[in-house]
Amino acid sequence: MTYVVTDNCIRCKYTDCVEVCPVDCFYEGENFLVIHPDECIDCGVCEPECPAEAIKPDTEPGLDKWLKVNAEYAQVWPNITIKRDAMPEAKEMDGVTDKFEQFFSAEPGSGD
């Protein structure tokens, strides 16, 4: 099992989760975070820290797509371990559906 970041993180990008991760397995895109599935130790401390409730265990049904997205982009985006401000539009974007199709950016973030 691993944890994955899902659709609701897009254009919110709260980073409360990266601050508590004991193994620094978060990677940063321009408007989204991912978890490296091979680095995640399944401790679960990140899940309750996400204000957008975008982090889920991969054992929940229907998360195969998100496991693939997290695995793919964790290979190319920079590592992030320090909490930063959320995106300016985070509150408005929290709960918007189909964000991946509408707003996802494959561009990397700045990382640490």
Protein backbone atom coordinates (compact mmCIF):
# COMPACT_ATOMS: atom_id res chain seq x y z
CA MET A 1 0.00 0.00 0.00
CA THR A 2 0.98 3.58 -0.60
CA TYR A 3 -0.77 6.91 -0.39
CA VAL A 4 -1.59 8.92 -3.51
CA VAL A 5 -2.45 12.54 -4.17
CA THR A 6 -5.70 12.91 -6.12
CA ASP A 7 -7.60 15.42 -8.24
CA ASN A 8 -8.57 17.87 -5.50
CA CYS A 9 -4.93 18.90 -4.95
CA ILE A 10 -4.76 20.48 -8.41
CA ARG A 11 -4.69 24.29 -8.14
CA CYS A 12 -4.88 24.06 -4.35
CA LYS A 13 -1.44 22.59 -3.63
CA TYR A 14 -1.54 22.83 0.13
CA THR A 15 1.83 21.70 1.45
CA ASP A 16 0.91 20.82 5.03
CA CYS A 17 1.53 17.17 4.07
CA VAL A 18 5.14 17.61 3.02
CA GLU A 19 6.09 19.05 6.38
CA VAL A 20 5.01 15.94 8.30
CA CYS A 21 6.30 13.28 5.89
CA PRO A 22 9.10 11.35 7.65
CA VAL A 23 10.63 10.11 4.38
CA ASP A 24 10.28 13.19 2.17
CA CYS A 25 8.41 11.37 -0.59
CA PHE A 26 6.48 14.37 -1.98
CA TYR A 27 7.32 15.89 -5.36
CA GLU A 28 6.11 19.22 -6.68
CA GLY A 29 4.52 20.15 -9.95
CA GLU A 30 3.48 23.62 -11.02
CA ASN A 31 -0.03 23.21 -9.55
CA PHE A 32 -0.09 19.75 -7.95
CA LEU A 33 1.86 17.49 -5.59
CA VAL A 34 2.52 13.76 -5.94
CA ILE A 35 3.78 11.00 -3.66
CA HIS A 36 6.53 8.67 -4.86
CA PRO A 37 4.94 5.22 -4.35
CA ASP A 38 8.28 3.45 -3.90
CA GLU A 39 9.40 5.90 -1.21
CA CYS A 40 6.14 6.12 0.76
CA ILE A 41 6.27 4.01 3.92
CA ASP A 42 2.48 3.95 4.32
CA CYS A 43 2.56 5.71 7.69
CA GLY A 44 -0.50 7.81 6.84
CA VAL A 45 0.55 10.96 8.70
CA CYS A 46 0.06 13.07 5.56
CA GLU A 47 -3.58 12.13 4.96
CA PRO A 48 -5.18 14.05 7.87
CA GLU A 49 -2.93 17.07 7.23
CA CYS A 50 -4.40 17.81 3.78
CA PRO A 51 -7.04 20.56 4.06
CA ALA A 52 -8.42 19.55 0.65
CA GLU A 53 -8.65 15.85 1.60
CA ALA A 54 -6.76 15.02 -1.60
CA ILE A 55 -4.54 12.28 -0.13
CA LYS A 56 -5.96 8.75 -0.14
CA PRO A 57 -4.63 5.23 0.48
CA ASP A 58 -4.25 3.40 -2.82
CA THR A 59 -6.41 0.60 -1.43
CA GLU A 60 -9.53 2.73 -1.98
CA PRO A 61 -11.39 1.71 -5.14
CA GLY A 62 -10.87 3.73 -8.32
CA LEU A 63 -7.43 5.14 -7.59
CA ASP A 64 -5.42 3.23 -10.22
CA LYS A 65 -5.23 6.35 -12.41
CA TRP A 66 -3.86 8.37 -9.49
CA LEU A 67 -1.26 5.77 -8.60
CA LYS A 68 0.01 5.98 -12.18
CA VAL A 69 0.01 9.80 -12.17
CA ASN A 70 1.85 9.93 -8.83
CA ALA A 71 4.43 7.35 -9.95
CA GLU A 72 5.06 9.05 -13.30
CA TYR A 73 5.51 12.60 -12.05
CA ALA A 74 7.47 11.66 -8.92
CA GLN A 75 10.18 10.56 -11.35
CA VAL A 76 10.52 13.96 -13.01
CA TRP A 77 9.39 16.64 -10.55
CA PRO A 78 11.61 18.06 -7.80
CA ASN A 79 11.35 16.93 -4.19
CA ILE A 80 9.55 19.22 -1.75
CA THR A 81 9.95 18.99 2.03
CA ILE A 82 9.17 22.52 3.21
CA LYS A 83 5.67 23.89 3.75
CA ARG A 84 4.76 26.86 1.57
CA ASP A 85 1.64 28.91 1.05
CA ALA A 86 -1.14 27.24 -0.91
CA MET A 87 -2.00 28.53 -4.35
CA PRO A 88 -3.89 31.86 -4.28
CA GLU A 89 -7.03 30.23 -5.70
CA ALA A 90 -6.93 27.22 -3.33
CA LYS A 91 -10.15 27.98 -1.45
CA GLU A 92 -12.12 28.57 -4.64
CA MET A 93 -10.71 25.44 -6.31
CA ASP A 94 -11.29 23.11 -3.35
CA GLY A 95 -14.04 20.71 -4.37
CA VAL A 96 -14.12 21.58 -8.08
CA THR A 97 -14.60 18.37 -10.08
CA ASP A 98 -12.63 17.07 -13.06
CA LYS A 99 -9.64 19.27 -12.31
CA PHE A 100 -7.15 16.91 -13.95
CA GLU A 101 -8.81 17.23 -17.35
CA GLN A 102 -9.26 20.99 -17.02
CA PHE A 103 -6.28 22.33 -15.10
CA PHE A 104 -3.46 19.80 -14.62
CA SER A 105 0.00 21.04 -15.59
CA ALA A 106 2.85 18.61 -16.24
CA GLU A 107 5.35 21.40 -15.62
CA PRO A 108 7.59 20.93 -12.57
CA GLY A 109 7.38 23.11 -9.49
CA SER A 110 10.37 24.71 -7.80
CA GLY A 111 10.95 22.06 -5.11
CA ASP A 112 13.14 22.91 -2.15
